[in-house]
Amino acid sequence: MELKDILAIAGQPGLYKYVAQSRNGVIVESLLDGKRMNAPVTSHVSALTEISMFTEGEDIALADVFTKMYAHTGGAKALSHKESAERLKEFFGTVLPDYDKERVHLSDIKKAVAWFNLLVEAGFTEFVLPEE
């Protein structure tokens, strides 16, 4: 399983693994419970490799943020996304000190931490972007 096959679906909790193309969308499998479903063409589906975070300089790919989190935690899960706002911001500021505090909201940090924990739980050890 590669990071390019992991999808986020707007309005749906967790992350999903791409399984196959269907006639009216894509078939995905939840990383949370392994259940499969059809994500209709009208759903906003994003591959994690297409998502980036705002920084004071150039935006950074989410895969690179996950790599920094993995190095910071030593390969373990990070703190829970349900921690206090102060702890989450402190953790994220340690991992990515130059993140744009104006444009990266607490909800973005929570989502990044929750997704990172899901991926680590699913066995991910490398968060690489596909070759151009």
Protein backbone atom coordinates (compact mmCIF):
# COMPACT_ATOMS: atom_id res chain seq x y z
CA MET A 1 0.00 0.00 0.00
CA GLU A 2 1.40 3.37 -1.04
CA LEU A 3 0.51 6.88 0.06
CA LYS A 4 -0.75 7.70 -3.45
CA ASP A 5 -3.54 5.13 -2.92
CA ILE A 6 -4.79 6.73 0.30
CA LEU A 7 -7.78 9.04 -0.09
CA ALA A 8 -9.66 11.54 2.04
CA ILE A 9 -13.35 11.94 1.29
CA ALA A 10 -15.10 15.16 2.28
CA GLY A 11 -17.80 14.52 4.87
CA GLN A 12 -16.51 11.04 5.72
CA PRO A 13 -14.38 10.26 8.79
CA GLY A 14 -10.95 8.69 8.47
CA LEU A 15 -8.98 7.70 5.41
CA TYR A 16 -9.67 5.25 2.61
CA LYS A 17 -7.59 2.99 0.41
CA TYR A 18 -8.36 3.08 -3.30
CA VAL A 19 -9.58 -0.33 -4.48
CA ALA A 20 -11.02 0.11 -7.98
CA GLN A 21 -12.82 2.40 -10.36
CA SER A 22 -16.57 1.87 -10.54
CA ARG A 23 -19.08 3.00 -13.11
CA ASN A 24 -20.19 5.99 -11.04
CA GLY A 25 -17.23 6.69 -8.73
CA VAL A 26 -14.49 4.79 -6.94
CA ILE A 27 -14.58 1.81 -4.62
CA VAL A 28 -12.66 2.48 -1.43
CA GLU A 29 -11.85 0.57 1.74
CA SER A 30 -11.83 2.29 5.13
CA LEU A 31 -8.56 2.21 7.06
CA LEU A 32 -10.63 2.42 10.25
CA ASP A 33 -12.76 -0.70 9.91
CA GLY A 34 -11.91 -2.29 6.54
CA LYS A 35 -15.42 -1.83 5.14
CA ARG A 36 -15.74 -1.11 1.45
CA MET A 37 -18.02 1.48 -0.08
CA ASN A 38 -18.57 3.34 -3.30
CA ALA A 39 -17.55 6.99 -3.22
CA PRO A 40 -19.76 8.61 -5.85
CA VAL A 41 -18.37 10.89 -8.51
CA THR A 42 -20.10 13.81 -6.75
CA SER A 43 -17.99 13.32 -3.59
CA HIS A 44 -14.93 15.48 -3.10
CA VAL A 45 -12.16 12.86 -3.04
CA SER A 46 -8.52 13.91 -2.52
CA ALA A 47 -5.40 11.79 -2.60
CA LEU A 48 -3.13 12.58 0.36
CA THR A 49 -0.30 13.19 -2.09
CA GLU A 50 -2.24 16.19 -3.48
CA ILE A 51 -2.67 17.92 -0.10
CA SER A 52 -0.21 20.45 1.29
CA MET A 53 0.11 22.68 4.36
CA PHE A 54 0.70 26.42 4.41
CA THR A 55 4.05 27.61 5.74
CA GLU A 56 5.68 31.02 6.00
CA GLY A 57 7.66 30.12 2.86
CA GLU A 58 6.55 27.65 0.23
CA ASP A 59 3.74 25.20 0.99
CA ILE A 60 4.90 21.78 2.15
CA ALA A 61 3.42 18.49 0.98
CA LEU A 62 1.42 16.61 3.60
CA ALA A 63 3.67 13.59 2.97
CA ASP A 64 6.65 15.68 4.11
CA VAL A 65 4.73 16.79 7.22
CA PHE A 66 4.01 13.12 7.99
CA THR A 67 7.71 12.28 7.50
CA LYS A 68 8.64 14.99 10.03
CA MET A 69 6.01 13.69 12.47
CA TYR A 70 7.33 10.13 12.06
CA ALA A 71 10.89 11.28 12.79
CA HIS A 72 9.70 13.33 15.79
CA THR A 73 7.72 10.45 17.31
CA GLY A 74 10.32 7.81 16.53
CA GLY A 75 7.84 5.81 14.47
CA ALA A 76 5.17 5.80 17.15
CA LYS A 77 1.72 7.34 17.00
CA ALA A 78 1.55 11.03 17.84
CA LEU A 79 -0.59 12.51 20.58
CA SER A 80 -4.35 12.17 20.14
CA HIS A 81 -6.17 14.61 17.90
CA LYS A 82 -8.53 15.09 20.86
CA GLU A 83 -5.85 16.76 23.01
CA SER A 84 -6.20 20.40 24.01
CA ALA A 85 -5.68 23.10 21.40
CA GLU A 86 -2.54 24.30 23.16
CA ARG A 87 -0.91 20.84 23.17
CA LEU A 88 -1.79 20.23 19.52
CA LYS A 89 -0.40 23.59 18.43
CA GLU A 90 2.74 23.04 20.52
CA PHE A 91 3.27 19.58 18.97
CA PHE A 92 2.65 20.84 15.44
CA GLY A 93 4.92 23.85 16.02
CA THR A 94 7.70 21.49 17.10
CA VAL A 95 7.26 19.30 14.02
CA LEU A 96 6.76 22.15 11.56
CA PRO A 97 8.04 25.38 13.17
CA ASP A 98 7.37 27.59 10.14
CA TYR A 99 3.72 26.61 9.58
CA ASP A 100 1.51 29.61 8.82
CA LYS A 101 -0.36 30.24 12.06
CA GLU A 102 -2.85 32.50 10.26
CA ARG A 103 -3.92 30.06 7.55
CA VAL A 104 -3.45 26.66 9.26
CA HIS A 105 -6.43 26.29 11.59
CA LEU A 106 -6.75 24.02 14.61
CA SER A 107 -9.09 21.78 12.58
CA ASP A 108 -6.30 21.30 10.00
CA ILE A 109 -3.83 20.32 12.73
CA LYS A 110 -6.34 17.89 14.27
CA LYS A 111 -6.99 16.30 10.89
CA ALA A 112 -3.26 15.96 10.10
CA VAL A 113 -2.55 14.37 13.50
CA ALA A 114 -5.54 12.01 13.24
CA TRP A 115 -4.56 10.96 9.71
CA PHE A 116 -0.94 10.44 10.75
CA ASN A 117 -2.03 8.18 13.61
CA LEU A 118 -4.29 6.19 11.27
CA LEU A 119 -1.45 5.68 8.80
CA VAL A 120 1.03 4.60 11.47
CA GLU A 121 -1.57 2.19 12.83
CA ALA A 122 -2.05 0.83 9.30
CA GLY A 123 1.68 0.09 9.09
CA PHE A 124 3.06 3.04 7.15
CA THR A 125 6.74 3.75 7.80
CA GLU A 126 7.47 5.90 4.76
CA PHE A 127 5.46 8.78 3.39
CA VAL A 128 6.84 9.29 -0.09
CA LEU A 129 5.35 11.23 -2.96
CA PRO A 130 5.07 9.43 -6.31
CA GLU A 131 7.76 10.18 -8.85
CA GLU A 132 6.89 12.91 -11.34
